[in-house]
Amino acid sequence: MCLRMDHNSAIKNNVLYIDGGRESYVRNNTGGSFQGNISLGYNNWLIMINMTESWDWKTNISESYIDKTKNPKTGDKPPVVVRGAFYQGSSTDDNIYLYGGTTSYQNTSFFEFVPPSPSKYSLWSYDTKNNTWDQFDISDASPNRPCSGSFAEAPELGLAFFLNGGIDSGSSKEVQPIGSDAKIWLKGMIVIDTHKRTARNLSTDALLGGNPRSRGKMIYVPGIGKKGILVALGGSYKPASDSSNTVIGTLLSMRFIDVFDVASLDDGPDGTWYTQQTSGDFPDPRVEPCLVVASAPDNSSHNIYMYGGRNLQTTFDQIYVLSIPSFTWSKVHDGFQPRYGMTCHLVGNRQLLSVGGFSTFNLSTSCDWEDKGVHIFDMSQLSWGSLYNAYAENYTVPVQVVRQIGGSPSGSATMTAPISGFTSPPFAQLFGQSNSTNSTKLPIPAKSSTPPSPSPSSRVSKGAIAGAVIGSIAGLSMIAGALTFLFRRNQRPRSHISAYEISAPVAAPAYEVAGSDIKPPVELEHGQATYVELPVEQAVEIRGTELVRSEDMKKDVLIDGPVEAGGTGLATLEDIKKDVPDI
């Protein structure tokens, strides 16, 4: 294998299953150095990797390839799709479930290429014990086979979710007349009952902005409210009436996060969405990252790790943590090996397993240095490696996050609510709070034998220190000066911050057409960086080379209304068509 991306994956009974996706092949690939010509194609198999025992992907990982056989009931073969959803199902169910996805036209002459199938059967199951496939008609609730949506599942409830997304000429036979270039984005959230193999379609008009979204991410967080919550972040949006071949629309800001109360499914036809403002070190807007969540040992914080992703110009090698219930962002990794189009899973108590993905927009000139398509990130120690430890210690909150939310690695977070307050009293009640006012306690760094290094985003801690100074007996001039400092530093009209962040508007929308690296003639907002592949086992952060983002420079500026990012540049339609890859 040369590289793998846009696939579907799930973990069931300590086995990683990888289905579909785009792949490229060479005669030999060792750490990105390959021999032979690159052939573009697809993954026509169901791939299995054993997660019961530890392994090192550089030395002793093993993969099993299972042929995707026809459904014995209908004679139909399960589709080979990209950007669908794979669900593990409940613990009492032997099946995993494939929903949605689209057929890629990357190479129609590739071995066993199959055109799109009817959308009537957008839900398939694979019996992991009997090695058989089955299909289900849920067209009453899901008349289309959507792709590129945000998805998550609550396995203990037997529920799977697919938010928005879209359809194109690869979705099914029925939609091919819309044209090879058209991409229609869809409203609604499909909720699949994996026990009953039924579905319902919820309205998503209550989402911030009300427009359909694509290529964002969503994750289920248990233990909040009666049945847990869904957290949706990232991606882009465009009007549902826009059928152009826009791949990435207006990027969604990470300053506002949408949350769905799963228990509200029992209270009304569409459930309840909330929009919550965040704080901290905000990530740049992006599409196609991946998410995992890990909770502090005492459940005082639930930490969502967001890895990688891309926008129109840049791919990211970053990991941010969104801590709930304070809804605080912390940046915990910034490296030199960017990646997008991958999937991620929480494995071995505290490890993020990255599966597939790629670093550039050109799939035909280079191979993935992770030649087995997997990599491991320790979410407590914040380090990358090739070793998967099936017996790793339990998760603890990393120090960088503790500095933001208080407490210790074992929990006891002292920030128990957003700095801006919960968005509404009902939303606050999900977290056991009585109202939406700011009940945040100031974070107190954990005791350590070595003092933690200063963090530029630890504004609350500095406020606490200043508060202590003000509280002491001092001259009136010192009190006035301190109050003036605090007011100018912390005064921010949060309610006036734009809900959307348009990082790089262009004269025409982005298109997906066969081509090479995306290099639109844009003026980058904070300079250009050259990424190199370091010949070491783990990515190393070199101190003193971090670039100052313009966003960081804006943190202390009083903003009265929406901000239009500078340095956007304009790209011609021909340039975009030439440089953007096909689906």
Protein backbone atom coordinates (compact mmCIF):
# COMPACT_ATOMS: atom_id res chain seq x y z
CA MET A 1 0.00 0.00 0.00
CA CYS A 2 1.10 3.54 -0.77
CA LEU A 3 -1.63 5.43 1.09
CA ARG A 4 -5.21 5.11 2.35
CA MET A 5 -7.81 7.84 2.98
CA ASP A 6 -11.54 8.64 2.98
CA HIS A 7 -12.24 5.14 4.31
CA ASN A 8 -14.60 3.94 7.03
CA SER A 9 -13.44 2.23 10.23
CA ALA A 10 -14.83 0.88 13.50
CA ILE A 11 -13.60 -1.17 16.46
CA LYS A 12 -15.65 -4.17 17.55
CA ASN A 13 -14.60 -6.73 20.17
CA ASN A 14 -10.97 -5.54 20.08
CA VAL A 15 -10.72 -5.77 16.30
CA LEU A 16 -10.19 -2.75 14.04
CA TYR A 17 -12.25 -3.02 10.83
CA ILE A 18 -11.35 -0.84 7.83
CA ASP A 19 -13.77 -0.64 4.91
CA GLY A 20 -13.69 1.10 1.54
CA GLY A 21 -11.88 4.34 0.90
CA ARG A 22 -9.41 5.52 -1.69
CA GLU A 23 -6.02 3.84 -1.87
CA SER A 24 -2.92 3.97 -4.00
CA TYR A 25 -0.54 1.11 -4.54
CA VAL A 26 3.17 0.64 -5.28
CA ARG A 27 5.47 -2.37 -5.44
CA ASN A 28 7.08 -1.44 -2.11
CA ASN A 29 6.68 1.39 0.40
CA THR A 30 9.08 1.77 3.33
CA GLY A 31 8.52 4.85 5.42
CA GLY A 32 7.35 6.85 2.41
CA SER A 33 10.26 5.79 0.20
CA PHE A 34 8.64 3.70 -2.53
CA GLN A 35 9.54 1.63 -5.55
CA GLY A 36 7.49 1.32 -8.73
CA ASN A 37 4.76 3.48 -10.22
CA ILE A 38 1.85 4.72 -8.13
CA SER A 39 -1.50 3.20 -9.11
CA LEU A 40 -4.67 4.91 -7.87
CA GLY A 41 -7.56 2.72 -6.79
CA TYR A 42 -9.77 1.60 -3.91
CA ASN A 43 -9.89 -0.75 -0.96
CA ASN A 44 -12.22 -3.53 -2.12
CA TRP A 45 -11.73 -5.62 1.04
CA LEU A 46 -12.73 -5.52 4.67
CA ILE A 47 -9.42 -5.23 6.55
CA MET A 48 -9.01 -6.50 10.13
CA ILE A 49 -6.29 -5.60 12.67
CA ASN A 50 -6.18 -7.37 16.04
CA MET A 51 -6.19 -4.94 18.98
CA THR A 52 -6.19 -7.59 21.74
CA GLU A 53 -2.39 -7.69 21.99
CA SER A 54 0.22 -4.96 21.75
CA TRP A 55 2.03 -4.35 18.47
CA ASP A 56 4.51 -2.04 16.80
CA TRP A 57 3.44 -1.07 13.30
CA LYS A 58 7.08 -0.89 12.24
CA THR A 59 7.84 -4.50 13.18
CA ASN A 60 4.98 -6.85 14.04
CA ILE A 61 1.53 -5.59 13.06
CA SER A 62 -0.60 -8.01 11.04
CA GLU A 63 -3.58 -7.36 8.77
CA SER A 64 -6.26 -9.76 7.55
CA TYR A 65 -8.10 -9.14 4.29
CA ILE A 66 -11.66 -10.42 3.94
CA ASP A 67 -13.45 -10.50 0.60
CA LYS A 68 -16.73 -8.56 0.61
CA THR A 69 -19.12 -11.33 -0.40
CA LYS A 70 -22.65 -10.98 -1.74
CA ASN A 71 -25.65 -10.83 0.54
CA PRO A 72 -26.95 -14.44 0.53
CA LYS A 73 -30.54 -13.13 0.72
CA THR A 74 -30.48 -10.78 -2.28
CA GLY A 75 -27.31 -11.57 -4.24
CA ASP A 76 -26.23 -7.92 -3.93
CA LYS A 77 -22.65 -7.09 -3.09
CA PRO A 78 -21.97 -4.41 -0.47
CA PRO A 79 -20.80 -1.14 -2.07
CA VAL A 80 -17.25 0.17 -2.01
CA VAL A 81 -17.70 3.76 -0.87
CA VAL A 82 -15.74 6.73 0.45
CA ARG A 83 -16.68 9.16 3.23
CA GLY A 84 -19.49 7.05 4.65
CA ALA A 85 -19.96 5.99 8.26
CA PHE A 86 -19.04 2.75 10.06
CA TYR A 87 -20.76 1.96 13.36
CA GLN A 88 -19.72 -0.69 15.87
CA GLY A 89 -23.25 -1.40 17.15
CA SER A 90 -24.14 -2.36 20.70
CA SER A 91 -22.16 -4.84 22.81
CA THR A 92 -24.95 -7.43 22.45
CA ASP A 93 -24.94 -7.15 18.64
CA ASP A 94 -22.45 -9.15 16.55
CA ASN A 95 -22.84 -6.76 13.60
CA ILE A 96 -21.08 -3.63 12.49
CA TYR A 97 -22.95 -1.20 10.24
CA LEU A 98 -22.07 0.70 7.07
CA TYR A 99 -24.21 3.73 6.24
CA GLY A 100 -24.01 6.20 3.37
CA GLY A 101 -20.91 7.03 1.36
CA THR A 102 -20.34 7.74 -2.30
CA THR A 103 -18.61 5.94 -5.16
CA SER A 104 -15.32 7.55 -6.13
CA TYR A 105 -14.50 7.98 -9.82
CA GLN A 106 -10.79 8.29 -9.08
CA ASN A 107 -10.04 5.34 -11.40
CA THR A 108 -12.99 3.63 -13.07
CA SER A 109 -10.68 1.12 -14.78
CA PHE A 110 -9.44 -0.16 -11.42
CA PHE A 111 -9.93 -3.83 -10.59
CA GLU A 112 -13.58 -4.62 -9.72
CA PHE A 113 -14.78 -1.03 -9.97
CA VAL A 114 -18.58 -1.00 -9.50
CA PRO A 115 -20.83 1.96 -10.43
CA PRO A 116 -23.16 3.39 -7.77
CA SER A 117 -25.93 1.10 -6.54
CA PRO A 118 -29.56 2.10 -5.77
CA SER A 119 -29.95 4.32 -2.73
CA LYS A 120 -32.80 2.18 -1.37
CA TYR A 121 -30.28 0.16 0.62
CA SER A 122 -28.10 2.85 2.22
CA LEU A 123 -27.68 0.74 5.40
CA TRP A 124 -25.63 -2.48 5.41
CA SER A 125 -24.48 -4.76 8.21
CA TYR A 126 -21.59 -7.19 8.52
CA ASP A 127 -21.95 -10.14 10.90
CA THR A 128 -18.52 -10.47 12.53
CA LYS A 129 -19.19 -14.06 13.63
CA ASN A 130 -20.71 -15.51 10.46
CA ASN A 131 -18.82 -13.28 7.99
CA THR A 132 -22.00 -12.37 6.09
CA TRP A 133 -23.44 -9.11 4.81
CA ASP A 134 -27.05 -7.94 4.94
CA GLN A 135 -28.86 -4.82 3.74
CA PHE A 136 -31.83 -2.81 5.03
CA ASP A 137 -34.38 -0.50 3.45
CA ILE A 138 -34.59 2.70 5.49
CA SER A 139 -35.55 4.88 2.52
CA ASP A 140 -38.67 6.22 4.28
CA ALA A 141 -36.40 8.18 6.62
CA SER A 142 -33.27 8.29 4.46
CA PRO A 143 -34.22 8.49 0.77
CA ASN A 144 -30.62 9.27 -0.20
CA ARG A 145 -27.22 7.72 0.44
CA PRO A 146 -25.42 10.74 1.93
CA CYS A 147 -21.67 11.20 2.18
CA SER A 148 -19.27 13.60 3.88
CA GLY A 149 -21.52 14.15 6.89
CA SER A 150 -20.61 14.21 10.58
CA PHE A 151 -21.36 10.96 12.38
CA ALA A 152 -21.21 9.42 15.85
CA GLU A 153 -22.86 6.66 17.82
CA ALA A 154 -24.04 5.81 21.32
CA PRO A 155 -23.32 2.05 21.41
CA GLU A 156 -24.91 1.45 24.80
CA LEU A 157 -28.15 2.95 23.45
CA GLY A 158 -27.99 1.17 20.11
CA LEU A 159 -28.19 4.52 18.31
CA ALA A 160 -26.13 5.86 15.40
CA PHE A 161 -26.21 9.41 14.04
CA PHE A 162 -25.38 11.01 10.68
CA LEU A 163 -25.55 14.82 10.46
CA ASN A 164 -26.10 16.66 7.15
CA GLY A 165 -23.56 15.77 4.41
CA GLY A 166 -24.57 15.66 0.76
CA ILE A 167 -25.15 13.67 -2.40
CA ASP A 168 -23.38 13.67 -5.75
CA SER A 169 -23.24 11.59 -8.92
CA GLY A 170 -21.53 8.78 -7.01
CA SER A 171 -24.22 8.49 -4.35
CA SER A 172 -26.65 6.30 -6.32
CA LYS A 173 -28.14 5.60 -9.73
CA GLU A 174 -31.06 7.89 -8.98
CA VAL A 175 -28.98 11.04 -8.53
CA GLN A 176 -26.64 10.60 -11.50
CA PRO A 177 -28.86 12.85 -13.68
CA ILE A 178 -27.86 15.84 -11.52
CA GLY A 179 -24.56 15.86 -13.40
CA SER A 180 -21.04 14.72 -12.69
CA ASP A 181 -20.07 18.02 -11.08
CA ALA A 182 -23.14 18.79 -8.96
CA LYS A 183 -22.98 18.40 -5.19
CA ILE A 184 -26.20 18.90 -3.23
CA TRP A 185 -25.79 19.36 0.52
CA LEU A 186 -28.50 17.96 2.77
CA LYS A 187 -30.22 19.19 5.88
CA GLY A 188 -31.35 16.84 8.64
CA MET A 189 -29.83 14.27 10.96
CA ILE A 190 -30.46 10.56 10.43
CA VAL A 191 -30.84 8.57 13.66
CA ILE A 192 -30.44 4.81 13.17
CA ASP A 193 -31.68 2.28 15.71
CA THR A 194 -29.20 -0.56 15.21
CA HIS A 195 -31.33 -2.92 17.30
CA LYS A 196 -34.44 -2.51 15.15
CA ARG A 197 -32.61 -1.56 11.89
CA THR A 198 -34.92 1.44 11.52
CA ALA A 199 -34.25 5.17 11.13
CA ARG A 200 -35.78 8.59 11.64
CA ASN A 201 -34.89 11.92 10.06
CA LEU A 202 -34.68 14.95 12.35
CA SER A 203 -34.82 18.57 11.29
CA THR A 204 -31.59 20.51 11.87
CA ASP A 205 -32.97 23.98 11.25
CA ALA A 206 -32.06 24.78 14.86
CA LEU A 207 -28.35 24.41 14.11
CA LEU A 208 -26.40 27.65 14.15
CA GLY A 209 -27.11 29.33 10.81
CA GLY A 210 -29.54 26.63 9.70
CA ASN A 211 -27.47 25.73 6.61
CA PRO A 212 -26.36 22.16 5.77
CA ARG A 213 -22.79 21.24 6.62
CA SER A 214 -20.18 18.98 5.11
CA ARG A 215 -16.87 17.39 6.17
CA GLY A 216 -17.21 18.32 9.82
CA LYS A 217 -16.98 15.93 12.76
CA MET A 218 -19.22 14.83 15.60
CA ILE A 219 -18.64 12.74 18.72
CA TYR A 220 -20.78 11.19 21.43
CA VAL A 221 -19.93 12.08 25.04
CA PRO A 222 -21.62 9.80 27.60
CA GLY A 223 -22.34 10.71 31.21
CA ILE A 224 -23.82 14.16 30.54
CA GLY A 225 -27.55 14.59 31.03
CA LYS A 226 -29.73 11.50 31.02
CA LYS A 227 -28.31 9.87 27.87
CA GLY A 228 -25.20 11.80 26.90
CA ILE A 229 -24.65 14.50 24.28
CA LEU A 230 -23.42 14.85 20.70
CA VAL A 231 -20.78 17.53 20.06
CA ALA A 232 -20.51 18.77 16.45
CA LEU A 233 -17.59 20.93 15.36
CA GLY A 234 -15.65 21.95 12.28
CA GLY A 235 -16.64 21.55 8.65
CA SER A 236 -18.13 24.11 6.30
CA TYR A 237 -21.60 25.16 5.17
CA LYS A 238 -23.45 26.41 2.12
CA PRO A 239 -27.14 26.95 1.29
CA ALA A 240 -29.12 23.83 0.47
CA SER A 241 -30.23 25.49 -2.77
CA ASP A 242 -26.63 25.66 -4.02
CA SER A 243 -26.05 22.60 -6.28
CA SER A 244 -22.64 23.72 -7.58
CA ASN A 245 -19.66 21.43 -7.18
CA THR A 246 -18.43 23.29 -4.11
CA VAL A 247 -16.32 20.96 -1.99
CA ILE A 248 -15.51 23.32 0.88
CA GLY A 249 -17.96 26.12 1.58
CA THR A 250 -17.73 28.76 4.30
CA LEU A 251 -15.64 27.37 7.14
CA LEU A 252 -17.30 27.13 10.53
CA SER A 253 -15.66 28.86 13.47
CA MET A 254 -14.38 26.84 16.42
CA ARG A 255 -15.55 29.63 18.73
CA PHE A 256 -19.06 28.19 18.69
CA ILE A 257 -19.91 24.52 19.17
CA ASP A 258 -23.25 22.78 18.56
CA VAL A 259 -24.45 20.27 21.16
CA PHE A 260 -27.37 17.83 20.88
CA ASP A 261 -29.09 16.37 23.95
CA VAL A 262 -29.63 12.69 23.11
CA ALA A 263 -32.34 12.33 25.76
CA SER A 264 -34.35 15.02 23.95
CA LEU A 265 -35.15 12.42 21.27
CA ASP A 266 -37.83 11.23 23.68
CA ASP A 267 -39.32 14.70 24.13
CA GLY A 268 -40.09 15.82 20.59
CA PRO A 269 -39.86 14.98 16.90
CA ASP A 270 -36.50 16.71 16.32
CA GLY A 271 -34.77 16.80 19.69
CA THR A 272 -32.93 19.82 21.06
CA TRP A 273 -29.76 21.52 19.82
CA TYR A 274 -27.77 24.11 21.77
CA THR A 275 -25.01 26.46 20.56
CA GLN A 276 -22.27 27.10 23.11
CA GLN A 277 -19.49 29.69 22.96
CA THR A 278 -15.99 28.38 23.69
CA SER A 279 -12.83 30.00 25.04
CA GLY A 280 -9.09 29.37 25.16
CA ASP A 281 -6.66 28.76 22.31
CA PHE A 282 -9.04 28.57 19.36
CA PRO A 283 -8.09 26.28 16.44
CA ASP A 284 -8.18 27.62 12.91
CA PRO A 285 -11.38 26.60 11.09
CA ARG A 286 -10.95 23.34 9.18
CA VAL A 287 -12.55 20.31 7.58
CA GLU A 288 -11.72 16.59 7.82
CA PRO A 289 -9.98 16.34 11.19
CA CYS A 290 -10.77 13.38 13.47
CA LEU A 291 -12.03 13.21 17.04
CA VAL A 292 -11.77 11.00 20.13
CA VAL A 293 -12.92 11.69 23.68
CA ALA A 294 -11.47 10.68 27.04
CA SER A 295 -12.82 11.57 30.49
CA ALA A 296 -10.89 12.45 33.63
CA PRO A 297 -10.79 9.62 36.20
CA ASP A 298 -13.40 11.44 38.30
CA ASN A 299 -15.44 12.61 35.25
CA SER A 300 -14.88 16.26 36.23
CA SER A 301 -13.87 16.94 32.62
CA HIS A 302 -14.54 15.26 29.29
CA ASN A 303 -11.72 16.02 26.84
CA ILE A 304 -12.32 15.90 23.09
CA TYR A 305 -9.08 15.52 21.11
CA MET A 306 -9.18 16.97 17.58
CA TYR A 307 -6.33 15.87 15.29
CA GLY A 308 -5.28 17.25 11.91
CA GLY A 309 -7.59 18.47 9.16
CA ARG A 310 -7.21 21.03 6.38
CA ASN A 311 -8.59 24.21 4.89
CA LEU A 312 -8.28 25.48 1.32
CA GLN A 313 -4.56 26.16 1.59
CA THR A 314 -3.13 24.22 4.52
CA THR A 315 -3.09 20.77 6.08
CA PHE A 316 -2.52 20.64 9.84
CA ASP A 317 -0.38 18.55 12.17
CA GLN A 318 -2.03 19.86 15.30
CA ILE A 319 -3.92 18.39 18.22
CA TYR A 320 -6.34 20.53 20.19
CA VAL A 321 -8.35 19.48 23.23
CA LEU A 322 -11.85 20.83 23.88
CA SER A 323 -12.58 20.35 27.58
CA ILE A 324 -16.18 20.04 28.73
CA PRO A 325 -18.04 21.40 30.72
CA SER A 326 -15.85 24.53 30.59
CA PHE A 327 -15.79 24.41 26.76
CA THR A 328 -12.14 25.46 26.81
CA TRP A 329 -9.69 24.84 23.96
CA SER A 330 -6.08 23.82 24.67
CA LYS A 331 -3.41 23.30 22.03
CA VAL A 332 -1.31 20.27 22.99
CA HIS A 333 0.64 19.40 19.82
CA ASP A 334 1.99 21.27 16.81
CA GLY A 335 4.22 19.23 14.50
CA PHE A 336 5.55 18.94 10.96
CA GLN A 337 3.68 15.97 9.49
CA PRO A 338 0.17 17.18 8.61
CA ARG A 339 -2.71 14.83 7.89
CA TYR A 340 -6.36 14.88 6.84
CA GLY A 341 -8.92 12.33 5.63
CA MET A 342 -8.07 9.86 8.43
CA THR A 343 -10.22 8.18 11.07
CA CYS A 344 -9.38 7.98 14.78
CA HIS A 345 -10.27 5.72 17.70
CA LEU A 346 -9.64 5.61 21.44
CA VAL A 347 -7.72 2.38 22.14
CA GLY A 348 -5.79 0.89 25.08
CA ASN A 349 -7.31 3.24 27.68
CA ARG A 350 -5.38 6.38 26.69
CA GLN A 351 -4.18 6.13 23.09
CA LEU A 352 -5.43 7.81 19.96
CA LEU A 353 -5.20 5.42 17.01
CA SER A 354 -4.90 7.30 13.71
CA VAL A 355 -5.92 5.27 10.65
CA GLY A 356 -5.00 6.38 7.13
CA GLY A 357 -5.10 9.94 5.89
CA PHE A 358 -2.54 11.89 3.91
CA SER A 359 -0.48 15.04 4.11
CA THR A 360 -0.84 16.73 0.70
CA PHE A 361 -3.51 17.22 -1.94
CA ASN A 362 -1.69 15.24 -4.62
CA LEU A 363 -2.18 11.47 -4.30
CA SER A 364 -0.18 10.46 -7.35
CA THR A 365 3.35 11.61 -6.51
CA SER A 366 4.15 10.39 -2.99
CA CYS A 367 3.35 7.72 -0.39
CA ASP A 368 2.46 7.83 3.29
CA TRP A 369 5.47 7.57 5.60
CA GLU A 370 3.21 5.56 7.92
CA ASP A 371 3.48 2.65 5.51
CA LYS A 372 1.01 0.50 7.49
CA GLY A 373 -1.51 3.31 7.62
CA VAL A 374 -1.68 3.53 11.44
CA HIS A 375 0.00 5.57 14.18
CA ILE A 376 -0.40 5.94 17.96
CA PHE A 377 -0.64 9.09 20.11
CA ASP A 378 -0.48 8.85 23.92
CA MET A 379 -3.20 11.25 25.05
CA SER A 380 -1.78 11.69 28.56
CA GLN A 381 1.93 12.01 27.76
CA LEU A 382 1.18 13.83 24.47
CA SER A 383 3.67 11.85 22.40
CA TRP A 384 3.51 10.04 19.05
CA GLY A 385 4.93 6.57 18.51
CA SER A 386 4.61 3.33 16.56
CA LEU A 387 3.84 1.12 19.59
CA TYR A 388 0.27 0.22 20.54
CA ASN A 389 0.10 -0.80 24.19
CA ALA A 390 -2.95 -2.96 24.85
CA TYR A 391 -2.21 -2.78 28.59
CA ALA A 392 -1.55 0.93 28.98
CA GLU A 393 -2.41 2.71 32.21
CA ASN A 394 -5.71 4.53 32.53
CA TYR A 395 -6.13 7.97 31.04
CA THR A 396 -5.08 11.02 33.03
CA VAL A 397 -5.56 14.65 32.03
CA PRO A 398 -2.37 16.08 30.46
CA VAL A 399 -0.65 18.93 32.28
CA GLN A 400 -1.24 21.35 29.39
CA VAL A 401 -4.98 20.88 29.79
CA VAL A 402 -4.81 21.03 33.60
CA ARG A 403 -3.23 24.48 33.28
CA GLN A 404 -6.35 25.63 31.46
CA ILE A 405 -9.14 23.97 33.46
CA GLY A 406 -7.50 23.51 36.88
CA GLY A 407 -7.43 20.46 39.10
CA SER A 408 -4.87 17.72 38.55
CA PRO A 409 -4.19 14.88 36.10
CA SER A 410 -6.57 12.76 38.20
CA GLY A 411 -9.39 15.27 37.73
CA SER A 412 -10.99 17.78 40.14
CA ALA A 413 -11.27 20.36 37.37
CA THR A 414 -11.96 23.77 38.88
CA MET A 415 -13.47 25.28 35.75
CA THR A 416 -16.98 23.87 35.91
CA ALA A 417 -18.70 26.14 33.40
CA PRO A 418 -17.81 28.20 30.31
CA ILE A 419 -16.20 31.58 30.94
CA SER A 420 -19.07 33.19 29.02
CA GLY A 421 -21.65 31.15 30.93
CA PHE A 422 -23.86 28.37 29.62
CA THR A 423 -25.95 29.36 26.66
CA SER A 424 -29.26 28.78 28.52
CA PRO A 425 -30.61 27.43 31.83
CA PRO A 426 -31.79 24.13 30.25
CA PHE A 427 -28.34 23.59 28.78
CA ALA A 428 -26.73 24.32 32.16
CA GLN A 429 -28.99 21.73 33.75
CA LEU A 430 -27.48 19.02 31.54
CA PHE A 431 -24.25 19.57 33.47
CA GLY A 432 -25.91 19.68 36.89
CA GLN A 433 -25.83 23.48 37.07
CA SER A 434 -28.81 25.53 38.15
CA ASN A 435 -28.56 28.42 35.70
CA SER A 436 -26.60 29.82 32.77
CA THR A 437 -24.57 32.39 34.69
CA ASN A 438 -20.81 32.06 34.91
CA SER A 439 -20.12 29.70 37.82
CA THR A 440 -16.54 29.09 36.76
CA LYS A 441 -13.98 28.65 39.50
CA LEU A 442 -10.50 29.91 38.80
CA PRO A 443 -8.16 27.05 37.85
CA ILE A 444 -5.42 26.22 40.33
CA PRO A 445 -2.40 24.50 38.75
CA ALA A 446 -1.54 21.08 40.15
CA LYS A 447 1.36 20.88 42.59
CA SER A 448 4.55 19.73 40.92
CA SER A 449 8.21 19.30 41.80
CA THR A 450 9.05 21.43 38.78
CA PRO A 451 7.05 24.60 38.15
CA PRO A 452 5.03 24.46 34.90
CA SER A 453 6.27 26.63 32.08
CA PRO A 454 4.23 29.78 31.46
CA SER A 455 1.31 29.35 29.08
CA PRO A 456 0.32 32.33 26.91
CA SER A 457 -3.32 31.21 27.02
CA SER A 458 -3.55 30.97 30.85
CA ARG A 459 -5.35 34.28 31.20
CA VAL A 460 -7.58 33.24 34.06
CA SER A 461 -4.65 32.27 36.26
CA LYS A 462 -3.08 35.69 35.69
CA GLY A 463 -6.40 37.26 36.59
CA ALA A 464 -6.44 35.26 39.82
CA ILE A 465 -2.96 36.52 40.71
CA ALA A 466 -3.99 40.08 39.93
CA GLY A 467 -7.10 39.56 42.03
CA ALA A 468 -4.98 38.52 44.98
CA VAL A 469 -2.87 41.66 44.60
CA ILE A 470 -5.98 43.82 44.48
CA GLY A 471 -7.33 42.09 47.55
CA SER A 472 -4.20 42.92 49.55
CA ILE A 473 -3.62 46.19 51.31
CA ALA A 474 -2.07 48.57 48.79
CA GLY A 475 -2.16 52.17 47.74
CA LEU A 476 -5.16 53.56 45.89
CA SER A 477 -3.02 54.21 42.84
CA MET A 478 -1.99 50.53 42.68
CA ILE A 479 -5.64 49.43 42.96
CA ALA A 480 -6.73 51.77 40.18
CA GLY A 481 -3.86 50.67 37.96
CA ALA A 482 -4.60 46.97 38.50
CA LEU A 483 -8.31 47.45 37.82
CA THR A 484 -7.54 49.33 34.62
CA PHE A 485 -5.22 46.53 33.51
CA LEU A 486 -7.79 43.82 34.20
CA PHE A 487 -10.57 45.72 32.48
CA ARG A 488 -8.57 46.35 29.30
CA ARG A 489 -7.21 42.80 29.22
CA ASN A 490 -10.42 40.90 29.84
CA GLN A 491 -13.10 43.16 28.41
CA ARG A 492 -14.36 41.29 25.34
CA PRO A 493 -17.80 41.66 23.76
CA ARG A 494 -18.25 37.89 23.38
CA SER A 495 -21.80 38.28 22.21
CA HIS A 496 -20.54 40.32 19.26
CA ILE A 497 -18.04 37.76 17.96
CA SER A 498 -19.14 36.43 14.59
CA ALA A 499 -20.61 32.95 14.64
CA TYR A 500 -18.79 32.12 11.44
CA GLU A 501 -15.13 32.58 10.59
CA ILE A 502 -14.42 33.04 6.89
CA SER A 503 -10.74 32.29 6.73
CA ALA A 504 -10.19 32.47 2.99
CA PRO A 505 -13.10 33.63 0.80
CA VAL A 506 -12.40 33.34 -2.90
CA ALA A 507 -14.02 34.67 -6.00
CA ALA A 508 -15.43 31.27 -6.88
CA PRO A 509 -16.16 28.16 -4.82
CA ALA A 510 -13.69 25.29 -4.55
CA TYR A 511 -14.11 22.43 -6.99
CA GLU A 512 -12.98 18.82 -6.94
CA VAL A 513 -11.44 17.94 -10.28
CA ALA A 514 -8.49 15.67 -11.02
CA GLY A 515 -5.24 17.48 -10.62
CA SER A 516 -2.16 17.97 -8.52
CA ASP A 517 -1.42 19.80 -5.26
CA ILE A 518 -3.79 22.57 -4.31
CA LYS A 519 -1.76 25.74 -4.71
CA PRO A 520 -4.19 28.59 -5.30
CA PRO A 521 -2.51 31.99 -5.61
CA VAL A 522 -3.44 33.25 -2.16
CA GLU A 523 -1.69 35.52 0.26
CA LEU A 524 -1.22 33.52 3.45
CA GLU A 525 -2.21 35.31 6.59
CA HIS A 526 0.82 34.37 8.64
CA GLY A 527 3.58 33.42 6.26
CA GLN A 528 4.51 30.16 4.67
CA ALA A 529 5.99 27.17 6.40
CA THR A 530 7.92 24.30 4.86
CA TYR A 531 7.09 20.86 6.22
CA VAL A 532 9.74 18.17 6.18
CA GLU A 533 9.66 14.54 7.19
CA LEU A 534 12.02 14.00 10.10
CA PRO A 535 13.85 10.65 10.15
CA VAL A 536 12.89 9.94 13.75
CA GLU A 537 10.34 7.67 15.36
CA GLN A 538 8.28 10.44 16.89
CA ALA A 539 7.45 13.94 15.76
CA VAL A 540 9.61 16.42 17.67
CA GLU A 541 8.53 19.92 18.53
CA ILE A 542 11.50 22.26 18.08
CA ARG A 543 11.33 25.06 20.58
CA GLY A 544 11.73 28.62 19.45
CA THR A 545 10.37 28.09 15.94
CA GLU A 546 6.64 28.49 16.54
CA LEU A 547 5.07 31.12 14.34
CA VAL A 548 2.81 33.71 15.92
CA ARG A 549 -0.64 33.38 14.42
CA SER A 550 -2.53 36.55 13.59
CA GLU A 551 -5.38 35.12 15.66
CA ASP A 552 -3.16 35.19 18.74
CA MET A 553 -2.29 38.81 18.00
CA LYS A 554 -5.99 39.63 17.92
CA LYS A 555 -6.77 38.16 21.34
CA ASP A 556 -6.30 41.45 23.21
CA VAL A 557 -8.00 43.63 20.62
CA LEU A 558 -11.53 44.83 21.34
CA ILE A 559 -13.67 43.44 18.50
CA ASP A 560 -17.04 45.07 17.88
CA GLY A 561 -18.70 42.84 15.33
CA PRO A 562 -17.74 40.22 12.75
CA VAL A 563 -14.15 40.07 11.62
CA GLU A 564 -13.11 39.44 8.03
CA ALA A 565 -9.77 37.65 7.94
CA GLY A 566 -7.10 39.42 5.97
CA GLY A 567 -4.76 38.08 3.37
CA THR A 568 -7.38 36.11 1.52
CA GLY A 569 -6.27 36.45 -2.07
CA LEU A 570 -8.33 35.52 -5.10
CA ALA A 571 -8.08 32.41 -7.24
CA THR A 572 -9.46 32.05 -10.75
CA LEU A 573 -11.93 29.30 -11.55
CA GLU A 574 -9.46 27.69 -13.96
CA ASP A 575 -6.78 27.61 -11.27
CA ILE A 576 -9.13 25.94 -8.84
CA LYS A 577 -10.30 23.35 -11.36
CA LYS A 578 -6.72 22.55 -12.26
CA ASP A 579 -5.41 22.12 -8.73
CA VAL A 580 -8.18 20.45 -6.74
CA PRO A 581 -8.32 16.61 -6.66
CA ASP A 582 -11.28 14.53 -7.73
CA ILE A 583 -13.53 12.85 -5.16
